[in-house]
Every structure is written in structure tokens, then in C-alpha cells.
Amino acid sequence: MMQEFKSFAMRGNVVDMAVGIIIGGAFGKIVSSFVKDVIMPPIGMLIGGVDFGDLAITLKEAVGETPAVLISYGAFIQTLLDFVIIAFAIFMVIRAMNSLKKKEEEKPAAPPAPSKEEVLLTEIRDLLKQRD
């Protein structure tokens, strides 16, 4: 069973998938920071100095040590923007890959080999040229 697991885990697709997941996680953190720290502050400033991270609807006020119950729709908006940016980036990568694949498919194939008749005619032509 261990040998079977080792052959499964070391298969190329599994390793590629693991690398993709790790890079995807790091990319997600970069996009989250980009949205939170670069995109949202100017948008908040344009609509009146609002910090989207603080936007929430209070369902129940805090009582003593019990925290308030909130619907944090500002954080949801930031997460939604994260998703849109990541989805767009993935779309662009897949689009580029598809266009490269399409170009490879469109490359003309090698011309077909000449028929027996053409080969014979070429030989006859060459022999006639040598005779002159």
C-alpha cells in the first residue's frame, strides 16, 4: 500500500497540482492585499471617506463581554472584489493558453510526399537534363 501511495503521490499531475495550489494560495493573498490596501481606500475616499472593512449592520449591540452581532457587508464587498480579480486573472491565463494551443493547431502540416508518378517524372526530367 505504501508503494502504491508513493507512486500516486509522485505522479507528475499530483505534484503539478500541489504546486498550483500553493501558488494559487499565495496569489490569493496578494490579490486580497491589493484589493484591501490599494483599491478600496480610493473607492472609499470617492464615496465619502468610508472604510469598507468597517461597513456592517449591527443586529445586536455588544453587552458586557459579549461582542456585537454584525453583518459585515463591507468585508463581503472586499472578498467579492478579490474573487472578481482572481477570476479575471485566471481567465486571462486560460485565454492565453488556448490561443497558444490554437496557433499550434493552425500550423500547416508538412507537404505530402510526392506520388510515384511525380517521382518517376522528376527522375526522367533529371536524366534528360544530364543528356544535354
N, C-alpha and C. Protein backbone atom coordinates (compact mmCIF):
# COMPACT_ATOMS: atom_id res chain seq x y z
N MET A 1 0.83 -1.19 0.00
CA MET A 1 0.00 0.00 0.00
C MET A 1 0.87 1.26 0.00
N MET A 2 1.97 1.24 0.76
CA MET A 2 2.87 2.40 0.80
C MET A 2 3.50 2.66 -0.56
N GLN A 3 3.88 1.58 -1.26
CA GLN A 3 4.49 1.73 -2.58
C GLN A 3 3.47 2.33 -3.56
N GLU A 4 2.23 1.87 -3.46
CA GLU A 4 1.17 2.39 -4.33
C GLU A 4 0.92 3.87 -4.05
N PHE A 5 0.91 4.24 -2.76
CA PHE A 5 0.72 5.65 -2.40
C PHE A 5 1.89 6.49 -2.92
N LYS A 6 3.11 5.98 -2.79
CA LYS A 6 4.29 6.71 -3.26
C LYS A 6 4.23 6.94 -4.76
N SER A 7 3.83 5.93 -5.52
CA SER A 7 3.75 6.11 -6.97
C SER A 7 2.64 7.10 -7.32
N PHE A 8 1.54 7.10 -6.54
CA PHE A 8 0.47 8.07 -6.76
C PHE A 8 0.94 9.48 -6.44
N ALA A 9 1.59 9.66 -5.30
CA ALA A 9 1.99 10.99 -4.83
C ALA A 9 3.08 11.59 -5.72
N MET A 10 3.91 10.76 -6.31
CA MET A 10 5.00 11.27 -7.13
C MET A 10 4.64 11.38 -8.61
N ARG A 11 3.42 11.05 -8.94
CA ARG A 11 2.96 11.19 -10.31
C ARG A 11 3.01 12.67 -10.68
N GLY A 12 3.34 12.98 -11.91
CA GLY A 12 3.51 14.36 -12.35
C GLY A 12 2.30 15.24 -12.11
N ASN A 13 1.11 14.74 -12.37
CA ASN A 13 -0.09 15.56 -12.22
C ASN A 13 -0.32 15.96 -10.77
N VAL A 14 -0.05 15.07 -9.83
CA VAL A 14 -0.28 15.37 -8.42
C VAL A 14 0.70 16.45 -7.96
N VAL A 15 1.95 16.34 -8.35
CA VAL A 15 2.96 17.34 -7.96
C VAL A 15 2.62 18.68 -8.59
N ASP A 16 2.23 18.67 -9.88
CA ASP A 16 1.85 19.92 -10.55
C ASP A 16 0.65 20.56 -9.86
N MET A 17 -0.31 19.74 -9.47
CA MET A 17 -1.49 20.27 -8.79
C MET A 17 -1.11 20.87 -7.44
N ALA A 18 -0.23 20.22 -6.70
CA ALA A 18 0.20 20.75 -5.40
C ALA A 18 0.89 22.10 -5.58
N VAL A 19 1.76 22.19 -6.56
CA VAL A 19 2.45 23.47 -6.82
C VAL A 19 1.43 24.53 -7.19
N GLY A 20 0.46 24.17 -8.03
CA GLY A 20 -0.59 25.12 -8.41
C GLY A 20 -1.40 25.61 -7.23
N ILE A 21 -1.72 24.71 -6.31
CA ILE A 21 -2.50 25.10 -5.12
C ILE A 21 -1.69 26.05 -4.25
N ILE A 22 -0.41 25.77 -4.07
CA ILE A 22 0.43 26.63 -3.24
C ILE A 22 0.57 28.01 -3.87
N ILE A 23 0.85 28.05 -5.17
CA ILE A 23 0.98 29.34 -5.85
C ILE A 23 -0.36 30.07 -5.85
N GLY A 24 -1.46 29.32 -6.03
CA GLY A 24 -2.79 29.94 -6.01
C GLY A 24 -3.09 30.57 -4.66
N GLY A 25 -2.71 29.90 -3.58
CA GLY A 25 -2.91 30.46 -2.24
C GLY A 25 -2.13 31.75 -2.05
N ALA A 26 -0.88 31.75 -2.50
CA ALA A 26 -0.07 32.95 -2.39
C ALA A 26 -0.65 34.06 -3.26
N PHE A 27 -1.10 33.71 -4.46
CA PHE A 27 -1.69 34.70 -5.36
C PHE A 27 -2.95 35.29 -4.74
N GLY A 28 -3.74 34.45 -4.07
CA GLY A 28 -4.95 34.92 -3.40
C GLY A 28 -4.63 35.94 -2.32
N LYS A 29 -3.55 35.71 -1.57
CA LYS A 29 -3.16 36.67 -0.53
C LYS A 29 -2.72 37.99 -1.16
N ILE A 30 -2.00 37.91 -2.26
CA ILE A 30 -1.56 39.13 -2.95
C ILE A 30 -2.76 39.92 -3.44
N VAL A 31 -3.71 39.23 -4.05
CA VAL A 31 -4.91 39.92 -4.55
C VAL A 31 -5.71 40.51 -3.39
N SER A 32 -5.84 39.78 -2.28
CA SER A 32 -6.57 40.31 -1.13
C SER A 32 -5.93 41.58 -0.61
N SER A 33 -4.61 41.57 -0.52
CA SER A 33 -3.91 42.77 -0.08
C SER A 33 -4.08 43.91 -1.07
N PHE A 34 -4.01 43.58 -2.36
CA PHE A 34 -4.18 44.60 -3.40
C PHE A 34 -5.55 45.25 -3.29
N VAL A 35 -6.58 44.44 -3.13
CA VAL A 35 -7.94 44.98 -3.02
C VAL A 35 -8.08 45.80 -1.75
N LYS A 36 -7.66 45.23 -0.62
CA LYS A 36 -7.84 45.89 0.68
C LYS A 36 -7.00 47.16 0.80
N ASP A 37 -5.74 47.11 0.37
CA ASP A 37 -4.82 48.21 0.63
C ASP A 37 -4.65 49.20 -0.52
N VAL A 38 -5.01 48.80 -1.74
CA VAL A 38 -4.79 49.69 -2.89
C VAL A 38 -6.10 50.13 -3.54
N ILE A 39 -7.01 49.20 -3.77
CA ILE A 39 -8.24 49.55 -4.49
C ILE A 39 -9.29 50.17 -3.59
N MET A 40 -9.54 49.57 -2.43
CA MET A 40 -10.65 50.02 -1.59
C MET A 40 -10.45 51.41 -0.97
N PRO A 41 -9.24 51.81 -0.54
CA PRO A 41 -9.12 53.16 0.02
C PRO A 41 -9.52 54.28 -0.94
N PRO A 42 -9.07 54.28 -2.21
CA PRO A 42 -9.55 55.35 -3.10
C PRO A 42 -11.05 55.29 -3.36
N ILE A 43 -11.60 54.08 -3.48
CA ILE A 43 -13.05 53.96 -3.68
C ILE A 43 -13.78 54.51 -2.46
N GLY A 44 -13.30 54.15 -1.27
CA GLY A 44 -13.90 54.67 -0.04
C GLY A 44 -13.80 56.19 0.04
N MET A 45 -12.66 56.74 -0.39
CA MET A 45 -12.48 58.18 -0.36
C MET A 45 -13.44 58.86 -1.34
N LEU A 46 -13.64 58.24 -2.51
CA LEU A 46 -14.53 58.83 -3.51
C LEU A 46 -15.98 58.86 -3.04
N ILE A 47 -16.37 57.90 -2.23
CA ILE A 47 -17.77 57.88 -1.77
C ILE A 47 -17.94 58.46 -0.38
N GLY A 48 -16.98 59.25 0.05
CA GLY A 48 -17.16 59.99 1.30
C GLY A 48 -16.33 59.51 2.47
N GLY A 49 -15.17 58.98 2.23
CA GLY A 49 -14.27 58.59 3.31
C GLY A 49 -14.69 57.35 4.05
N VAL A 50 -15.37 56.44 3.38
CA VAL A 50 -15.86 55.22 4.01
C VAL A 50 -14.77 54.14 3.95
N ASP A 51 -14.55 53.47 5.08
CA ASP A 51 -13.65 52.31 5.11
C ASP A 51 -14.52 51.07 4.96
N PHE A 52 -14.38 50.38 3.83
CA PHE A 52 -15.24 49.24 3.54
C PHE A 52 -15.13 48.14 4.58
N GLY A 53 -13.96 47.99 5.18
CA GLY A 53 -13.80 46.96 6.20
C GLY A 53 -14.68 47.22 7.42
N ASP A 54 -15.05 48.45 7.65
CA ASP A 54 -15.87 48.79 8.81
C ASP A 54 -17.37 48.80 8.51
N LEU A 55 -17.76 48.66 7.26
CA LEU A 55 -19.18 48.69 6.92
C LEU A 55 -19.86 47.44 7.44
N ALA A 56 -20.88 47.62 8.26
CA ALA A 56 -21.59 46.49 8.85
C ALA A 56 -22.95 46.95 9.35
N ILE A 57 -23.83 45.99 9.45
CA ILE A 57 -25.15 46.23 10.04
C ILE A 57 -25.14 45.54 11.40
N THR A 58 -25.48 46.30 12.45
CA THR A 58 -25.48 45.74 13.80
C THR A 58 -26.84 45.11 14.08
N LEU A 59 -26.81 43.81 14.32
CA LEU A 59 -28.05 43.10 14.65
C LEU A 59 -28.32 43.16 16.15
N LYS A 60 -27.24 43.10 16.94
CA LYS A 60 -27.39 43.14 18.38
C LYS A 60 -26.16 43.84 18.94
N GLU A 61 -26.38 44.85 19.78
CA GLU A 61 -25.30 45.61 20.37
C GLU A 61 -24.48 44.74 21.32
N ALA A 62 -23.24 45.13 21.53
CA ALA A 62 -22.38 44.43 22.48
C ALA A 62 -22.91 44.65 23.90
N VAL A 63 -22.90 43.58 24.68
CA VAL A 63 -23.35 43.66 26.07
C VAL A 63 -22.25 43.08 26.93
N GLY A 64 -21.62 43.94 27.73
CA GLY A 64 -20.55 43.49 28.61
C GLY A 64 -19.41 42.88 27.79
N GLU A 65 -19.10 41.62 28.07
CA GLU A 65 -18.02 40.93 27.37
C GLU A 65 -18.50 40.26 26.08
N THR A 66 -19.79 40.22 25.86
CA THR A 66 -20.34 39.60 24.65
C THR A 66 -20.20 40.59 23.49
N PRO A 67 -19.53 40.17 22.41
CA PRO A 67 -19.36 41.09 21.28
C PRO A 67 -20.68 41.32 20.54
N ALA A 68 -20.71 42.39 19.78
CA ALA A 68 -21.90 42.71 18.99
C ALA A 68 -22.05 41.68 17.86
N VAL A 69 -23.29 41.48 17.45
CA VAL A 69 -23.58 40.61 16.32
C VAL A 69 -23.72 41.51 15.09
N LEU A 70 -22.84 41.28 14.11
CA LEU A 70 -22.78 42.16 12.94
C LEU A 70 -22.93 41.38 11.64
N ILE A 71 -23.49 42.04 10.64
CA ILE A 71 -23.42 41.56 9.26
C ILE A 71 -22.40 42.48 8.58
N SER A 72 -21.22 41.95 8.34
CA SER A 72 -20.11 42.76 7.80
C SER A 72 -20.15 42.74 6.27
N TYR A 73 -21.01 43.55 5.70
CA TYR A 73 -21.14 43.56 4.25
C TYR A 73 -19.96 44.26 3.57
N GLY A 74 -19.22 45.09 4.28
CA GLY A 74 -18.02 45.72 3.71
C GLY A 74 -16.94 44.68 3.44
N ALA A 75 -16.74 43.77 4.38
CA ALA A 75 -15.77 42.70 4.18
C ALA A 75 -16.22 41.80 3.03
N PHE A 76 -17.54 41.61 2.90
CA PHE A 76 -18.06 40.81 1.79
C PHE A 76 -17.76 41.48 0.46
N ILE A 77 -17.91 42.80 0.40
CA ILE A 77 -17.61 43.53 -0.85
C ILE A 77 -16.14 43.36 -1.21
N GLN A 78 -15.25 43.45 -0.22
CA GLN A 78 -13.82 43.25 -0.48
C GLN A 78 -13.56 41.83 -0.99
N THR A 79 -14.17 40.85 -0.38
CA THR A 79 -13.99 39.46 -0.81
C THR A 79 -14.54 39.26 -2.21
N LEU A 80 -15.64 39.90 -2.52
CA LEU A 80 -16.22 39.82 -3.86
C LEU A 80 -15.26 40.41 -4.90
N LEU A 81 -14.65 41.54 -4.57
CA LEU A 81 -13.65 42.13 -5.49
C LEU A 81 -12.44 41.22 -5.63
N ASP A 82 -12.00 40.60 -4.54
CA ASP A 82 -10.91 39.62 -4.61
C ASP A 82 -11.24 38.54 -5.63
N PHE A 83 -12.46 37.99 -5.50
CA PHE A 83 -12.88 36.92 -6.40
C PHE A 83 -12.88 37.38 -7.85
N VAL A 84 -13.43 38.56 -8.10
CA VAL A 84 -13.51 39.05 -9.48
C VAL A 84 -12.11 39.21 -10.08
N ILE A 85 -11.18 39.76 -9.30
CA ILE A 85 -9.82 39.94 -9.81
C ILE A 85 -9.15 38.60 -10.06
N ILE A 86 -9.28 37.66 -9.13
CA ILE A 86 -8.67 36.34 -9.31
C ILE A 86 -9.30 35.63 -10.51
N ALA A 87 -10.62 35.68 -10.62
CA ALA A 87 -11.30 35.04 -11.74
C ALA A 87 -10.85 35.65 -13.06
N PHE A 88 -10.69 36.97 -13.11
CA PHE A 88 -10.24 37.62 -14.33
C PHE A 88 -8.81 37.21 -14.68
N ALA A 89 -7.94 37.13 -13.66
CA ALA A 89 -6.56 36.71 -13.91
C ALA A 89 -6.51 35.28 -14.44
N ILE A 90 -7.30 34.39 -13.85
CA ILE A 90 -7.34 33.01 -14.33
C ILE A 90 -7.91 32.96 -15.75
N PHE A 91 -8.93 33.75 -16.02
CA PHE A 91 -9.50 33.82 -17.37
C PHE A 91 -8.44 34.24 -18.37
N MET A 92 -7.64 35.25 -18.04
CA MET A 92 -6.61 35.73 -18.96
C MET A 92 -5.55 34.65 -19.20
N VAL A 93 -5.16 33.92 -18.16
CA VAL A 93 -4.16 32.86 -18.32
C VAL A 93 -4.71 31.75 -19.22
N ILE A 94 -5.93 31.33 -18.97
CA ILE A 94 -6.54 30.27 -19.78
C ILE A 94 -6.74 30.74 -21.21
N ARG A 95 -7.12 31.99 -21.37
CA ARG A 95 -7.29 32.54 -22.72
C ARG A 95 -5.97 32.52 -23.48
N ALA A 96 -4.88 32.92 -22.80
CA ALA A 96 -3.56 32.89 -23.44
C ALA A 96 -3.15 31.47 -23.80
N MET A 97 -3.41 30.52 -22.89
CA MET A 97 -3.07 29.13 -23.16
C MET A 97 -3.87 28.60 -24.35
N ASN A 98 -5.15 28.94 -24.41
CA ASN A 98 -5.98 28.49 -25.53
C ASN A 98 -5.52 29.08 -26.85
N SER A 99 -5.11 30.35 -26.84
CA SER A 99 -4.64 30.97 -28.09
C SER A 99 -3.33 30.33 -28.55
N LEU A 100 -2.45 29.98 -27.61
CA LEU A 100 -1.22 29.29 -27.98
C LEU A 100 -1.52 27.90 -28.55
N LYS A 101 -2.46 27.22 -27.92
CA LYS A 101 -2.86 25.89 -28.40
C LYS A 101 -3.45 25.98 -29.79
N LYS A 102 -4.28 27.02 -30.02
CA LYS A 102 -4.91 27.20 -31.32
C LYS A 102 -3.86 27.48 -32.39
N LYS A 103 -2.84 28.29 -32.06
CA LYS A 103 -1.78 28.58 -33.03
C LYS A 103 -1.02 27.32 -33.40
N GLU A 104 -0.79 26.44 -32.43
CA GLU A 104 -0.09 25.19 -32.72
C GLU A 104 -0.92 24.32 -33.65
N GLU A 105 -2.23 24.32 -33.44
CA GLU A 105 -3.10 23.51 -34.28
C GLU A 105 -3.20 24.06 -35.70
N GLU A 106 -3.06 25.39 -35.84
CA GLU A 106 -3.19 26.03 -37.15
C GLU A 106 -1.93 25.92 -37.99
N LYS A 107 -0.82 25.53 -37.40
CA LYS A 107 0.41 25.41 -38.18
C LYS A 107 0.20 24.42 -39.31
N PRO A 108 0.63 24.81 -40.52
CA PRO A 108 0.42 23.90 -41.65
C PRO A 108 1.26 22.63 -41.50
N ALA A 109 0.66 21.53 -41.88
CA ALA A 109 1.38 20.26 -41.82
C ALA A 109 2.40 20.22 -42.95
N ALA A 110 3.34 19.34 -42.83
CA ALA A 110 4.36 19.19 -43.87
C ALA A 110 3.66 18.79 -45.17
N PRO A 111 4.16 19.27 -46.29
CA PRO A 111 3.51 18.92 -47.55
C PRO A 111 3.58 17.41 -47.77
N PRO A 112 2.57 16.86 -48.41
CA PRO A 112 2.56 15.41 -48.62
C PRO A 112 3.71 14.98 -49.54
N ALA A 113 4.14 13.77 -49.33
CA ALA A 113 5.23 13.24 -50.17
C ALA A 113 4.73 13.13 -51.61
N PRO A 114 5.62 13.34 -52.57
CA PRO A 114 5.18 13.25 -53.97
C PRO A 114 4.76 11.82 -54.33
N SER A 115 3.83 11.75 -55.25
CA SER A 115 3.34 10.44 -55.67
C SER A 115 4.41 9.72 -56.48
N LYS A 116 4.19 8.43 -56.74
CA LYS A 116 5.16 7.64 -57.51
C LYS A 116 5.33 8.22 -58.91
N GLU A 117 4.23 8.69 -59.48
CA GLU A 117 4.30 9.26 -60.82
C GLU A 117 5.18 10.50 -60.84
N GLU A 118 5.01 11.35 -59.81
CA GLU A 118 5.82 12.57 -59.74
C GLU A 118 7.29 12.23 -59.58
N VAL A 119 7.59 11.23 -58.77
CA VAL A 119 8.98 10.83 -58.56
C VAL A 119 9.58 10.33 -59.87
N LEU A 120 8.83 9.52 -60.59
CA LEU A 120 9.32 9.00 -61.87
C LEU A 120 9.51 10.12 -62.89
N LEU A 121 8.58 11.04 -62.95
CA LEU A 121 8.70 12.17 -63.88
C LEU A 121 9.91 13.04 -63.53
N THR A 122 10.15 13.22 -62.24
CA THR A 122 11.31 14.00 -61.80
C THR A 122 12.60 13.31 -62.23
N GLU A 123 12.66 12.01 -62.06
CA GLU A 123 13.85 11.26 -62.47
C GLU A 123 14.07 11.36 -63.97
N ILE A 124 12.97 11.24 -64.74
CA ILE A 124 13.09 11.35 -66.20
C ILE A 124 13.58 12.73 -66.59
N ARG A 125 13.04 13.78 -65.95
CA ARG A 125 13.47 15.13 -66.23
C ARG A 125 14.96 15.30 -65.95
N ASP A 126 15.40 14.80 -64.79
CA ASP A 126 16.81 14.93 -64.42
C ASP A 126 17.71 14.19 -65.40
N LEU A 127 17.27 13.01 -65.85
CA LEU A 127 18.07 12.24 -66.84
C LEU A 127 18.17 12.97 -68.17
N LEU A 128 17.04 13.61 -68.58
CA LEU A 128 17.06 14.36 -69.83
C LEU A 128 17.96 15.58 -69.72
N LYS A 129 18.01 16.21 -68.57
CA LYS A 129 18.89 17.36 -68.36
C LYS A 129 20.35 16.93 -68.45
N GLN A 130 20.66 15.77 -67.91
CA GLN A 130 22.04 15.28 -67.91
C GLN A 130 22.47 14.91 -69.33
N ARG A 131 21.57 14.46 -70.18
CA ARG A 131 21.88 14.08 -71.55
C ARG A 131 22.28 15.26 -72.38
N ASP A 132 21.72 16.41 -72.13
CA ASP A 132 22.00 17.58 -72.96
C ASP A 132 23.33 18.16 -72.68
